[in-house]
Amino acid sequence: MPFKLTINDKPHEVDVDPETPLLWVLRDTIGLTGTKYGCGIAQCGACTVHVNGDAQRACQIAVKDVGDAKITTIEGLSPDSSHPIQKAWLAIDVAQCGYCQSGMIMAAAALLKEKPKPTSKDIDERITNLCRCGTYTRVRVAILEAAKQA
């Protein structure tokens, strides 16, 4: 049975096993490779997307459980990288290797949507994504900078 999904405001119909993780539907079936595979157990956050505006780890969401939720990936956050968090990311030069960055940006964007003026404590509690390069200080600065711009 095909699944009808709304991803980045566009309808998609996919015919996959119902247990297929959303991550693999996004990457392998639809071709949106900005969402990364990191650990496969929802610990690292490289696969973070928005599900109805909430940051979720796509590696642990079966496509059968998506329903009519609106999915947003890094490709759909803004058409021209004009989202405040993307602009701050570039201005602060957050990325090092960059692998975790799409998930980190999606987590940060969800935080700013919920708390437009987050505190350092809010950032510590909500940004649980892992970065092997240790860019956490620059991530914090970028989130606080984006909050000023929004």
C-alpha atoms as a PDB file:
ATOM      1  CA  MET A   1       0.000   0.000   0.000  1.00  0.00           C
ATOM      2  CA  PRO A   2       1.519   3.343  -1.008  1.00  0.00           C
ATOM      3  CA  PHE A   3       1.938   6.064   1.610  1.00  0.00           C
ATOM      4  CA  LYS A   4       1.010   9.664   0.867  1.00  0.00           C
ATOM      5  CA  LEU A   5       3.418  12.037   2.562  1.00  0.00           C
ATOM      6  CA  THR A   6       3.778  15.802   2.632  1.00  0.00           C
ATOM      7  CA  ILE A   7       7.459  16.666   2.630  1.00  0.00           C
ATOM      8  CA  ASN A   8       8.664  20.243   2.316  1.00  0.00           C
ATOM      9  CA  ASP A   9       5.109  21.272   1.360  1.00  0.00           C
ATOM     10  CA  LYS A  10       5.073  18.863  -1.607  1.00  0.00           C
ATOM     11  CA  PRO A  11       3.025  15.681  -1.887  1.00  0.00           C
ATOM     12  CA  HIS A  12       4.899  12.415  -2.318  1.00  0.00           C
ATOM     13  CA  GLU A  13       3.562   8.921  -2.765  1.00  0.00           C
ATOM     14  CA  VAL A  14       5.917   6.119  -1.799  1.00  0.00           C
ATOM     15  CA  ASP A  15       5.451   2.377  -2.010  1.00  0.00           C
ATOM     16  CA  VAL A  16       7.705   0.996   0.711  1.00  0.00           C
ATOM     17  CA  ASP A  17       7.495  -1.481   3.552  1.00  0.00           C
ATOM     18  CA  PRO A  18       5.418   0.119   6.362  1.00  0.00           C
ATOM     19  CA  GLU A  19       8.278  -0.387   8.843  1.00  0.00           C
ATOM     20  CA  THR A  20      10.777   1.538   6.700  1.00  0.00           C
ATOM     21  CA  PRO A  21      12.256   4.383   8.754  1.00  0.00           C
ATOM     22  CA  LEU A  22      11.338   7.847   7.509  1.00  0.00           C
ATOM     23  CA  LEU A  23      15.067   8.562   7.156  1.00  0.00           C
ATOM     24  CA  TRP A  24      15.443   5.945   4.404  1.00  0.00           C
ATOM     25  CA  VAL A  25      12.264   7.090   2.662  1.00  0.00           C
ATOM     26  CA  LEU A  26      13.638  10.633   2.586  1.00  0.00           C
ATOM     27  CA  ARG A  27      17.124   9.657   1.434  1.00  0.00           C
ATOM     28  CA  ASP A  28      16.700   6.551  -0.721  1.00  0.00           C
ATOM     29  CA  THR A  29      13.169   6.791  -2.069  1.00  0.00           C
ATOM     30  CA  ILE A  30      12.656  10.537  -2.472  1.00  0.00           C
ATOM     31  CA  GLY A  31      16.307  11.589  -2.879  1.00  0.00           C
ATOM     32  CA  LEU A  32      16.499  14.228  -0.137  1.00  0.00           C
ATOM     33  CA  THR A  33      19.991  13.474   1.123  1.00  0.00           C
ATOM     34  CA  GLY A  34      20.439  16.496   3.404  1.00  0.00           C
ATOM     35  CA  THR A  35      19.105  14.455   6.304  1.00  0.00           C
ATOM     36  CA  LYS A  36      22.004  12.284   7.447  1.00  0.00           C
ATOM     37  CA  TYR A  37      22.324   8.820   8.933  1.00  0.00           C
ATOM     38  CA  GLY A  38      24.458   8.841  12.044  1.00  0.00           C
ATOM     39  CA  CYS A  39      23.671   6.142  14.573  1.00  0.00           C
ATOM     40  CA  GLY A  40      20.300   4.609  13.701  1.00  0.00           C
ATOM     41  CA  ILE A  41      19.162   4.633  17.347  1.00  0.00           C
ATOM     42  CA  ALA A  42      17.977   8.264  17.712  1.00  0.00           C
ATOM     43  CA  GLN A  43      20.952   9.272  19.841  1.00  0.00           C
ATOM     44  CA  CYS A  44      23.083  11.492  17.616  1.00  0.00           C
ATOM     45  CA  GLY A  45      20.478  13.690  15.922  1.00  0.00           C
ATOM     46  CA  ALA A  46      22.058  13.748  12.458  1.00  0.00           C
ATOM     47  CA  CYS A  47      18.676  12.654  11.090  1.00  0.00           C
ATOM     48  CA  THR A  48      16.622  15.408  12.767  1.00  0.00           C
ATOM     49  CA  VAL A  49      13.663  16.659  10.743  1.00  0.00           C
ATOM     50  CA  HIS A  50      10.504  18.531  11.694  1.00  0.00           C
ATOM     51  CA  VAL A  51       7.299  16.554  12.065  1.00  0.00           C
ATOM     52  CA  ASN A  52       4.456  19.046  12.315  1.00  0.00           C
ATOM     53  CA  GLY A  53       7.055  21.589  13.422  1.00  0.00           C
ATOM     54  CA  ASP A  54       8.602  19.460  16.168  1.00  0.00           C
ATOM     55  CA  ALA A  55      12.189  18.208  15.945  1.00  0.00           C
ATOM     56  CA  GLN A  56      12.140  14.414  15.572  1.00  0.00           C
ATOM     57  CA  ARG A  57      14.773  11.792  14.798  1.00  0.00           C
ATOM     58  CA  ALA A  58      13.798  10.329  11.416  1.00  0.00           C
ATOM     59  CA  CYS A  59      15.749   7.099  11.912  1.00  0.00           C
ATOM     60  CA  GLN A  60      13.201   5.908  14.484  1.00  0.00           C
ATOM     61  CA  ILE A  61       9.920   6.929  12.804  1.00  0.00           C
ATOM     62  CA  ALA A  62       8.364   4.180  10.697  1.00  0.00           C
ATOM     63  CA  VAL A  63       6.728   5.522   7.545  1.00  0.00           C
ATOM     64  CA  LYS A  64       3.440   3.889   8.638  1.00  0.00           C
ATOM     65  CA  ASP A  65       3.430   6.187  11.677  1.00  0.00           C
ATOM     66  CA  VAL A  66       3.834   9.443   9.747  1.00  0.00           C
ATOM     67  CA  GLY A  67       0.167   9.653   8.770  1.00  0.00           C
ATOM     68  CA  ASP A  68      -0.765  13.081   7.467  1.00  0.00           C
ATOM     69  CA  ALA A  69       2.009  14.867   9.346  1.00  0.00           C
ATOM     70  CA  LYS A  70       3.838  17.678   7.609  1.00  0.00           C
ATOM     71  CA  ILE A  71       7.531  16.757   7.292  1.00  0.00           C
ATOM     72  CA  THR A  72      10.214  19.411   6.815  1.00  0.00           C
ATOM     73  CA  THR A  73      13.802  18.510   6.008  1.00  0.00           C
ATOM     74  CA  ILE A  74      16.843  20.760   5.810  1.00  0.00           C
ATOM     75  CA  GLU A  75      16.069  21.212   2.092  1.00  0.00           C
ATOM     76  CA  GLY A  76      12.662  22.653   3.002  1.00  0.00           C
ATOM     77  CA  LEU A  77      13.673  24.899   5.900  1.00  0.00           C
ATOM     78  CA  SER A  78      14.048  27.838   3.497  1.00  0.00           C
ATOM     79  CA  PRO A  79      14.437  27.952  -0.286  1.00  0.00           C
ATOM     80  CA  ASP A  80      17.493  30.208  -0.176  1.00  0.00           C
ATOM     81  CA  SER A  81      19.114  29.600   3.242  1.00  0.00           C
ATOM     82  CA  SER A  82      17.435  32.742   4.573  1.00  0.00           C
ATOM     83  CA  HIS A  83      16.122  31.177   7.775  1.00  0.00           C
ATOM     84  CA  PRO A  84      17.652  33.110  10.710  1.00  0.00           C
ATOM     85  CA  ILE A  85      19.402  30.008  12.025  1.00  0.00           C
ATOM     86  CA  GLN A  86      20.958  29.270   8.631  1.00  0.00           C
ATOM     87  CA  LYS A  87      22.172  32.857   8.306  1.00  0.00           C
ATOM     88  CA  ALA A  88      23.651  32.773  11.818  1.00  0.00           C
ATOM     89  CA  TRP A  89      25.271  29.387  11.112  1.00  0.00           C
ATOM     90  CA  LEU A  90      27.108  30.897   8.164  1.00  0.00           C
ATOM     91  CA  ALA A  91      27.973  34.170   9.920  1.00  0.00           C
ATOM     92  CA  ILE A  92      29.420  32.358  12.958  1.00  0.00           C
ATOM     93  CA  ASP A  93      31.079  29.708  10.738  1.00  0.00           C
ATOM     94  CA  VAL A  94      29.667  26.896  12.890  1.00  0.00           C
ATOM     95  CA  ALA A  95      30.377  23.908  10.666  1.00  0.00           C
ATOM     96  CA  GLN A  96      33.638  22.041  10.830  1.00  0.00           C
ATOM     97  CA  CYS A  97      33.264  18.671   9.084  1.00  0.00           C
ATOM     98  CA  GLY A  98      29.575  19.471   8.629  1.00  0.00           C
ATOM     99  CA  TYR A  99      28.116  15.990   8.946  1.00  0.00           C
ATOM    100  CA  CYS A 100      25.886  16.759  11.935  1.00  0.00           C
ATOM    101  CA  GLN A 101      24.978  20.250  10.812  1.00  0.00           C
ATOM    102  CA  SER A 102      21.680  19.636   8.996  1.00  0.00           C
ATOM    103  CA  GLY A 103      20.273  17.840  12.023  1.00  0.00           C
ATOM    104  CA  MET A 104      21.714  20.439  14.378  1.00  0.00           C
ATOM    105  CA  ILE A 105      20.184  23.270  12.314  1.00  0.00           C
ATOM    106  CA  MET A 106      16.789  21.544  12.293  1.00  0.00           C
ATOM    107  CA  ALA A 107      16.910  21.074  16.074  1.00  0.00           C
ATOM    108  CA  ALA A 108      17.913  24.718  16.546  1.00  0.00           C
ATOM    109  CA  ALA A 109      15.159  25.967  14.218  1.00  0.00           C
ATOM    110  CA  ALA A 110      12.553  23.990  16.180  1.00  0.00           C
ATOM    111  CA  LEU A 111      13.904  25.435  19.434  1.00  0.00           C
ATOM    112  CA  LEU A 112      13.658  28.997  18.100  1.00  0.00           C
ATOM    113  CA  LYS A 113      10.119  28.388  16.892  1.00  0.00           C
ATOM    114  CA  GLU A 114       9.083  27.241  20.354  1.00  0.00           C
ATOM    115  CA  LYS A 115      11.260  29.686  22.319  1.00  0.00           C
ATOM    116  CA  PRO A 116      12.173  32.717  20.195  1.00  0.00           C
ATOM    117  CA  LYS A 117      14.510  34.013  22.909  1.00  0.00           C
ATOM    118  CA  PRO A 118      16.093  30.865  24.364  1.00  0.00           C
ATOM    119  CA  THR A 119      18.376  30.905  27.362  1.00  0.00           C
ATOM    120  CA  SER A 120      21.597  28.925  27.581  1.00  0.00           C
ATOM    121  CA  LYS A 121      19.685  26.457  29.753  1.00  0.00           C
ATOM    122  CA  ASP A 122      17.035  26.070  27.023  1.00  0.00           C
ATOM    123  CA  ILE A 123      19.773  25.343  24.486  1.00  0.00           C
ATOM    124  CA  ASP A 124      21.411  22.784  26.797  1.00  0.00           C
ATOM    125  CA  GLU A 125      18.090  21.011  27.356  1.00  0.00           C
ATOM    126  CA  ARG A 126      16.859  21.005  23.766  1.00  0.00           C
ATOM    127  CA  ILE A 127      19.945  20.686  21.573  1.00  0.00           C
ATOM    128  CA  THR A 128      20.964  17.119  22.307  1.00  0.00           C
ATOM    129  CA  ASN A 129      22.497  16.452  18.901  1.00  0.00           C
ATOM    130  CA  LEU A 130      26.047  15.149  18.903  1.00  0.00           C
ATOM    131  CA  CYS A 131      28.921  16.800  17.063  1.00  0.00           C
ATOM    132  CA  ARG A 132      32.124  14.784  16.721  1.00  0.00           C
ATOM    133  CA  CYS A 133      34.074  17.953  15.963  1.00  0.00           C
ATOM    134  CA  GLY A 134      32.892  19.666  19.138  1.00  0.00           C
ATOM    135  CA  THR A 135      31.363  22.818  17.612  1.00  0.00           C
ATOM    136  CA  TYR A 136      28.989  23.220  20.562  1.00  0.00           C
ATOM    137  CA  THR A 137      30.282  26.660  21.542  1.00  0.00           C
ATOM    138  CA  ARG A 138      29.710  27.997  18.021  1.00  0.00           C
ATOM    139  CA  VAL A 139      26.295  26.281  17.890  1.00  0.00           C
ATOM    140  CA  ARG A 140      25.261  28.127  21.066  1.00  0.00           C
ATOM    141  CA  VAL A 141      26.536  31.461  19.735  1.00  0.00           C
ATOM    142  CA  ALA A 142      24.694  30.943  16.432  1.00  0.00           C
ATOM    143  CA  ILE A 143      21.411  30.086  18.162  1.00  0.00           C
ATOM    144  CA  LEU A 144      21.651  33.165  20.367  1.00  0.00           C
ATOM    145  CA  GLU A 145      22.556  35.306  17.353  1.00  0.00           C
ATOM    146  CA  ALA A 146      19.615  33.953  15.351  1.00  0.00           C
ATOM    147  CA  ALA A 147      17.329  34.740  18.291  1.00  0.00           C
ATOM    148  CA  LYS A 148      18.439  38.382  18.095  1.00  0.00           C
ATOM    149  CA  GLN A 149      17.672  38.520  14.375  1.00  0.00           C
ATOM    150  CA  ALA A 150      14.234  36.897  14.518  1.00  0.00           C
END
